[in-house]
Amino acid sequence: MYRIVNVIDYPAGMEAAIAGYKEIFLTTDLNNFYEKFGWTQMDNGYSPDGQVSKICRIAVSLK
């Protein structure tokens, strides 16, 4: 079982915030997993093999 505490605890979130980005994005086929940790679904996309994949985003900052 994975435990996600805060997106800024992870290198990608921290690096994005340091670089000045306000949001980071991910794609997933998991339902209601990332939403539990503050991510919001913004749309659906397609993976390289043509499967529908959710596109999610979350705000990042160094505050």
PDB file of N, CA and C in Angstrom:
ATOM      1  N   MET A   1       0.841  -1.177   0.000  1.00  0.00           N
ATOM      2  CA  MET A   1       0.000   0.000   0.000  1.00  0.00           C
ATOM      3  C   MET A   1       0.884   1.237   0.000  1.00  0.00           C
ATOM      4  N   TYR A   2       0.583   2.164  -0.877  1.00  0.00           N
ATOM      5  CA  TYR A   2       1.324   3.414  -0.948  1.00  0.00           C
ATOM      6  C   TYR A   2       0.627   4.478  -0.121  1.00  0.00           C
ATOM      7  N   ARG A   3       1.394   5.356   0.452  1.00  0.00           N
ATOM      8  CA  ARG A   3       0.841   6.450   1.243  1.00  0.00           C
ATOM      9  C   ARG A   3       1.315   7.758   0.634  1.00  0.00           C
ATOM     10  N   ILE A   4       0.376   8.573   0.214  1.00  0.00           N
ATOM     11  CA  ILE A   4       0.707   9.875  -0.340  1.00  0.00           C
ATOM     12  C   ILE A   4       0.351  10.917   0.713  1.00  0.00           C
ATOM     13  N   VAL A   5       1.342  11.639   1.196  1.00  0.00           N
ATOM     14  CA  VAL A   5       1.115  12.626   2.241  1.00  0.00           C
ATOM     15  C   VAL A   5       0.821  13.983   1.616  1.00  0.00           C
ATOM     16  N   ASN A   6       1.665  14.423   0.730  1.00  0.00           N
ATOM     17  CA  ASN A   6       1.535  15.733   0.120  1.00  0.00           C
ATOM     18  C   ASN A   6       2.352  15.711  -1.159  1.00  0.00           C
ATOM     19  N   VAL A   7       1.834  16.306  -2.214  1.00  0.00           N
ATOM     20  CA  VAL A   7       2.531  16.265  -3.498  1.00  0.00           C
ATOM     21  C   VAL A   7       3.905  16.927  -3.411  1.00  0.00           C
ATOM     22  N   ILE A   8       4.074  17.921  -2.541  1.00  0.00           N
ATOM     23  CA  ILE A   8       5.354  18.612  -2.449  1.00  0.00           C
ATOM     24  C   ILE A   8       6.420  17.723  -1.806  1.00  0.00           C
ATOM     25  N   ASP A   9       6.015  16.627  -1.145  1.00  0.00           N
ATOM     26  CA  ASP A   9       6.964  15.694  -0.561  1.00  0.00           C
ATOM     27  C   ASP A   9       7.683  14.859  -1.617  1.00  0.00           C
ATOM     28  N   TYR A  10       7.228  14.908  -2.841  1.00  0.00           N
ATOM     29  CA  TYR A  10       7.793  14.092  -3.899  1.00  0.00           C
ATOM     30  C   TYR A  10       8.651  14.949  -4.816  1.00  0.00           C
ATOM     31  N   PRO A  11       9.733  14.407  -5.328  1.00  0.00           N
ATOM     32  CA  PRO A  11      10.665  15.195  -6.147  1.00  0.00           C
ATOM     33  C   PRO A  11      10.006  15.935  -7.304  1.00  0.00           C
ATOM     34  N   ALA A  12       9.064  15.331  -7.997  1.00  0.00           N
ATOM     35  CA  ALA A  12       8.439  16.007  -9.142  1.00  0.00           C
ATOM     36  C   ALA A  12       7.665  17.235  -8.693  1.00  0.00           C
ATOM     37  N   GLY A  13       6.919  17.127  -7.602  1.00  0.00           N
ATOM     38  CA  GLY A  13       6.161  18.260  -7.099  1.00  0.00           C
ATOM     39  C   GLY A  13       7.069  19.375  -6.608  1.00  0.00           C
ATOM     40  N   MET A  14       8.122  19.015  -5.912  1.00  0.00           N
ATOM     41  CA  MET A  14       9.058  20.011  -5.397  1.00  0.00           C
ATOM     42  C   MET A  14       9.806  20.693  -6.539  1.00  0.00           C
ATOM     43  N   GLU A  15      10.288  19.922  -7.480  1.00  0.00           N
ATOM     44  CA  GLU A  15      11.010  20.498  -8.615  1.00  0.00           C
ATOM     45  C   GLU A  15      10.107  21.407  -9.439  1.00  0.00           C
ATOM     46  N   ALA A  16       8.858  21.017  -9.622  1.00  0.00           N
ATOM     47  CA  ALA A  16       7.914  21.851 -10.371  1.00  0.00           C
ATOM     48  C   ALA A  16       7.699  23.180  -9.658  1.00  0.00           C
ATOM     49  N   ALA A  17       7.523  23.144  -8.336  1.00  0.00           N
ATOM     50  CA  ALA A  17       7.325  24.373  -7.562  1.00  0.00           C
ATOM     51  C   ALA A  17       8.559  25.265  -7.617  1.00  0.00           C
ATOM     52  N   ILE A  18       9.744  24.686  -7.475  1.00  0.00           N
ATOM     53  CA  ILE A  18      10.990  25.454  -7.547  1.00  0.00           C
ATOM     54  C   ILE A  18      11.136  26.116  -8.918  1.00  0.00           C
ATOM     55  N   ALA A  19      10.727  25.408  -9.956  1.00  0.00           N
ATOM     56  CA  ALA A  19      10.833  25.931 -11.323  1.00  0.00           C
ATOM     57  C   ALA A  19       9.756  26.972 -11.631  1.00  0.00           C
ATOM     58  N   GLY A  20       8.826  27.178 -10.686  1.00  0.00           N
ATOM     59  CA  GLY A  20       7.812  28.206 -10.875  1.00  0.00           C
ATOM     60  C   GLY A  20       6.477  27.727 -11.411  1.00  0.00           C
ATOM     61  N   TYR A  21       6.329  26.433 -11.575  1.00  0.00           N
ATOM     62  CA  TYR A  21       5.045  25.917 -12.042  1.00  0.00           C
ATOM     63  C   TYR A  21       4.012  26.019 -10.932  1.00  0.00           C
ATOM     64  N   LYS A  22       2.782  26.273 -11.298  1.00  0.00           N
ATOM     65  CA  LYS A  22       1.687  26.382 -10.337  1.00  0.00           C
ATOM     66  C   LYS A  22       0.918  25.074 -10.191  1.00  0.00           C
ATOM     67  N   GLU A  23       0.976  24.207 -11.202  1.00  0.00           N
ATOM     68  CA  GLU A  23       0.249  22.938 -11.194  1.00  0.00           C
ATOM     69  C   GLU A  23       1.109  21.849 -11.814  1.00  0.00           C
ATOM     70  N   ILE A  24       0.825  20.601 -11.422  1.00  0.00           N
ATOM     71  CA  ILE A  24       1.391  19.452 -12.122  1.00  0.00           C
ATOM     72  C   ILE A  24       0.231  18.547 -12.521  1.00  0.00           C
ATOM     73  N   PHE A  25       0.472  17.712 -13.505  1.00  0.00           N
ATOM     74  CA  PHE A  25      -0.562  16.881 -14.097  1.00  0.00           C
ATOM     75  C   PHE A  25      -0.117  15.426 -14.121  1.00  0.00           C
ATOM     76  N   LEU A  26      -1.090  14.521 -14.110  1.00  0.00           N
ATOM     77  CA  LEU A  26      -0.797  13.101 -14.292  1.00  0.00           C
ATOM     78  C   LEU A  26      -1.943  12.450 -15.035  1.00  0.00           C
ATOM     79  N   THR A  27      -1.657  11.299 -15.605  1.00  0.00           N
ATOM     80  CA  THR A  27      -2.714  10.490 -16.198  1.00  0.00           C
ATOM     81  C   THR A  27      -2.788   9.180 -15.429  1.00  0.00           C
ATOM     82  N   THR A  28      -3.997   8.654 -15.323  1.00  0.00           N
ATOM     83  CA  THR A  28      -4.201   7.431 -14.556  1.00  0.00           C
ATOM     84  C   THR A  28      -5.452   6.711 -15.025  1.00  0.00           C
ATOM     85  N   ASP A  29      -5.489   5.425 -14.773  1.00  0.00           N
ATOM     86  CA  ASP A  29      -6.719   4.673 -15.006  1.00  0.00           C
ATOM     87  C   ASP A  29      -7.359   4.270 -13.676  1.00  0.00           C
ATOM     88  N   LEU A  30      -6.814   4.761 -12.561  1.00  0.00           N
ATOM     89  CA  LEU A  30      -7.375   4.483 -11.246  1.00  0.00           C
ATOM     90  C   LEU A  30      -8.580   5.385 -10.992  1.00  0.00           C
ATOM     91  N   ASN A  31      -9.621   4.845 -10.381  1.00  0.00           N
ATOM     92  CA  ASN A  31     -10.814   5.621 -10.065  1.00  0.00           C
ATOM     93  C   ASN A  31     -10.799   6.051  -8.607  1.00  0.00           C
ATOM     94  N   ASN A  32     -10.975   7.345  -8.390  1.00  0.00           N
ATOM     95  CA  ASN A  32     -11.094   7.931  -7.050  1.00  0.00           C
ATOM     96  C   ASN A  32      -9.904   7.664  -6.142  1.00  0.00           C
ATOM     97  N   PHE A  33      -8.732   7.431  -6.686  1.00  0.00           N
ATOM     98  CA  PHE A  33      -7.548   7.246  -5.858  1.00  0.00           C
ATOM     99  C   PHE A  33      -6.864   8.580  -5.605  1.00  0.00           C
ATOM    100  N   TYR A  34      -6.415   9.248  -6.662  1.00  0.00           N
ATOM    101  CA  TYR A  34      -5.690  10.506  -6.504  1.00  0.00           C
ATOM    102  C   TYR A  34      -6.592  11.615  -5.967  1.00  0.00           C
ATOM    103  N   GLU A  35      -7.884  11.537  -6.246  1.00  0.00           N
ATOM    104  CA  GLU A  35      -8.820  12.531  -5.736  1.00  0.00           C
ATOM    105  C   GLU A  35      -8.829  12.570  -4.207  1.00  0.00           C
ATOM    106  N   LYS A  36      -8.538  11.448  -3.582  1.00  0.00           N
ATOM    107  CA  LYS A  36      -8.482  11.389  -2.118  1.00  0.00           C
ATOM    108  C   LYS A  36      -7.346  12.244  -1.561  1.00  0.00           C
ATOM    109  N   PHE A  37      -6.382  12.575  -2.401  1.00  0.00           N
ATOM    110  CA  PHE A  37      -5.197  13.306  -1.973  1.00  0.00           C
ATOM    111  C   PHE A  37      -5.119  14.706  -2.565  1.00  0.00           C
ATOM    112  N   GLY A  38      -6.259  15.222  -3.016  1.00  0.00           N
ATOM    113  CA  GLY A  38      -6.317  16.596  -3.481  1.00  0.00           C
ATOM    114  C   GLY A  38      -6.239  16.813  -4.982  1.00  0.00           C
ATOM    115  N   TRP A  39      -5.996  15.761  -5.747  1.00  0.00           N
ATOM    116  CA  TRP A  39      -5.959  15.890  -7.203  1.00  0.00           C
ATOM    117  C   TRP A  39      -7.385  16.049  -7.715  1.00  0.00           C
ATOM    118  N   THR A  40      -7.566  16.805  -8.799  1.00  0.00           N
ATOM    119  CA  THR A  40      -8.878  16.926  -9.429  1.00  0.00           C
ATOM    120  C   THR A  40      -8.788  16.454 -10.870  1.00  0.00           C
ATOM    121  N   GLN A  41      -9.816  15.738 -11.287  1.00  0.00           N
ATOM    122  CA  GLN A  41      -9.857  15.281 -12.678  1.00  0.00           C
ATOM    123  C   GLN A  41     -10.270  16.445 -13.548  1.00  0.00           C
ATOM    124  N   MET A  42      -9.510  16.691 -14.606  1.00  0.00           N
ATOM    125  CA  MET A  42      -9.848  17.799 -15.486  1.00  0.00           C
ATOM    126  C   MET A  42     -10.402  17.341 -16.823  1.00  0.00           C
ATOM    127  N   ASP A  43     -10.081  16.125 -17.246  1.00  0.00           N
ATOM    128  CA  ASP A  43     -10.571  15.641 -18.537  1.00  0.00           C
ATOM    129  C   ASP A  43     -10.167  14.185 -18.704  1.00  0.00           C
ATOM    130  N   ASN A  44     -10.566  13.602 -19.812  1.00  0.00           N
ATOM    131  CA  ASN A  44     -10.110  12.275 -20.203  1.00  0.00           C
ATOM    132  C   ASN A  44      -9.176  12.422 -21.392  1.00  0.00           C
ATOM    133  N   GLY A  45      -8.215  11.525 -21.463  1.00  0.00           N
ATOM    134  CA  GLY A  45      -7.305  11.481 -22.596  1.00  0.00           C
ATOM    135  C   GLY A  45      -7.160  10.035 -23.027  1.00  0.00           C
ATOM    136  N   TYR A  46      -6.167   9.762 -23.849  1.00  0.00           N
ATOM    137  CA  TYR A  46      -5.955   8.408 -24.347  1.00  0.00           C
ATOM    138  C   TYR A  46      -4.500   8.013 -24.165  1.00  0.00           C
ATOM    139  N   SER A  47      -4.293   6.818 -23.687  1.00  0.00           N
ATOM    140  CA  SER A  47      -2.942   6.288 -23.554  1.00  0.00           C
ATOM    141  C   SER A  47      -2.437   5.875 -24.938  1.00  0.00           C
ATOM    142  N   PRO A  48      -1.141   5.608 -25.071  1.00  0.00           N
ATOM    143  CA  PRO A  48      -0.604   5.216 -26.371  1.00  0.00           C
ATOM    144  C   PRO A  48      -1.282   3.998 -26.998  1.00  0.00           C
ATOM    145  N   ASP A  49      -1.840   3.119 -26.165  1.00  0.00           N
ATOM    146  CA  ASP A  49      -2.518   1.945 -26.726  1.00  0.00           C
ATOM    147  C   ASP A  49      -4.000   2.193 -26.987  1.00  0.00           C
ATOM    148  N   GLY A  50      -4.449   3.447 -26.841  1.00  0.00           N
ATOM    149  CA  GLY A  50      -5.821   3.800 -27.182  1.00  0.00           C
ATOM    150  C   GLY A  50      -6.827   3.702 -26.046  1.00  0.00           C
ATOM    151  N   GLN A  51      -6.383   3.325 -24.860  1.00  0.00           N
ATOM    152  CA  GLN A  51      -7.287   3.212 -23.712  1.00  0.00           C
ATOM    153  C   GLN A  51      -7.570   4.603 -23.135  1.00  0.00           C
ATOM    154  N   VAL A  52      -8.800   4.782 -22.643  1.00  0.00           N
ATOM    155  CA  VAL A  52      -9.165   6.041 -22.006  1.00  0.00           C
ATOM    156  C   VAL A  52      -8.404   6.165 -20.689  1.00  0.00           C
ATOM    157  N   SER A  53      -7.877   7.348 -20.419  1.00  0.00           N
ATOM    158  CA  SER A  53      -7.102   7.614 -19.221  1.00  0.00           C
ATOM    159  C   SER A  53      -7.523   8.970 -18.665  1.00  0.00           C
ATOM    160  N   LYS A  54      -7.699   9.063 -17.351  1.00  0.00           N
ATOM    161  CA  LYS A  54      -8.064  10.324 -16.726  1.00  0.00           C
ATOM    162  C   LYS A  54      -6.850  11.249 -16.659  1.00  0.00           C
ATOM    163  N   ILE A  55      -7.066  12.537 -16.881  1.00  0.00           N
ATOM    164  CA  ILE A  55      -6.030  13.543 -16.707  1.00  0.00           C
ATOM    165  C   ILE A  55      -6.383  14.312 -15.437  1.00  0.00           C
ATOM    166  N   CYS A  56      -5.462  14.322 -14.476  1.00  0.00           N
ATOM    167  CA  CYS A  56      -5.683  14.987 -13.197  1.00  0.00           C
ATOM    168  C   CYS A  56      -4.630  16.063 -12.979  1.00  0.00           C
ATOM    169  N   ARG A  57      -4.962  17.039 -12.111  1.00  0.00           N
ATOM    170  CA  ARG A  57      -4.010  18.104 -11.799  1.00  0.00           C
ATOM    171  C   ARG A  57      -4.078  18.428 -10.310  1.00  0.00           C
ATOM    172  N   ILE A  58      -2.988  19.051  -9.836  1.00  0.00           N
ATOM    173  CA  ILE A  58      -2.931  19.523  -8.447  1.00  0.00           C
ATOM    174  C   ILE A  58      -2.038  20.759  -8.422  1.00  0.00           C
ATOM    175  N   ALA A  59      -2.382  21.695  -7.555  1.00  0.00           N
ATOM    176  CA  ALA A  59      -1.571  22.895  -7.383  1.00  0.00           C
ATOM    177  C   ALA A  59      -0.330  22.572  -6.565  1.00  0.00           C
ATOM    178  N   VAL A  60       0.771  23.229  -6.884  1.00  0.00           N
ATOM    179  CA  VAL A  60       2.002  23.075  -6.112  1.00  0.00           C
ATOM    180  C   VAL A  60       2.537  24.445  -5.731  1.00  0.00           C
ATOM    181  N   SER A  61       3.138  24.534  -4.569  1.00  0.00           N
ATOM    182  CA  SER A  61       3.806  25.757  -4.139  1.00  0.00           C
ATOM    183  C   SER A  61       4.786  25.400  -3.043  1.00  0.00           C
ATOM    184  N   LEU A  62       5.679  26.311  -2.746  1.00  0.00           N
ATOM    185  CA  LEU A  62       6.682  26.068  -1.708  1.00  0.00           C
ATOM    186  C   LEU A  62       6.256  26.662  -0.365  1.00  0.00           C
ATOM    187  N   LYS A  63       5.065  27.161  -0.268  1.00  0.00           N
ATOM    188  CA  LYS A  63       4.570  27.761   0.978  1.00  0.00           C
ATOM    189  C   LYS A  63       4.345  26.730   2.048  1.00  0.00           C
TER     190      LYS A  63
END
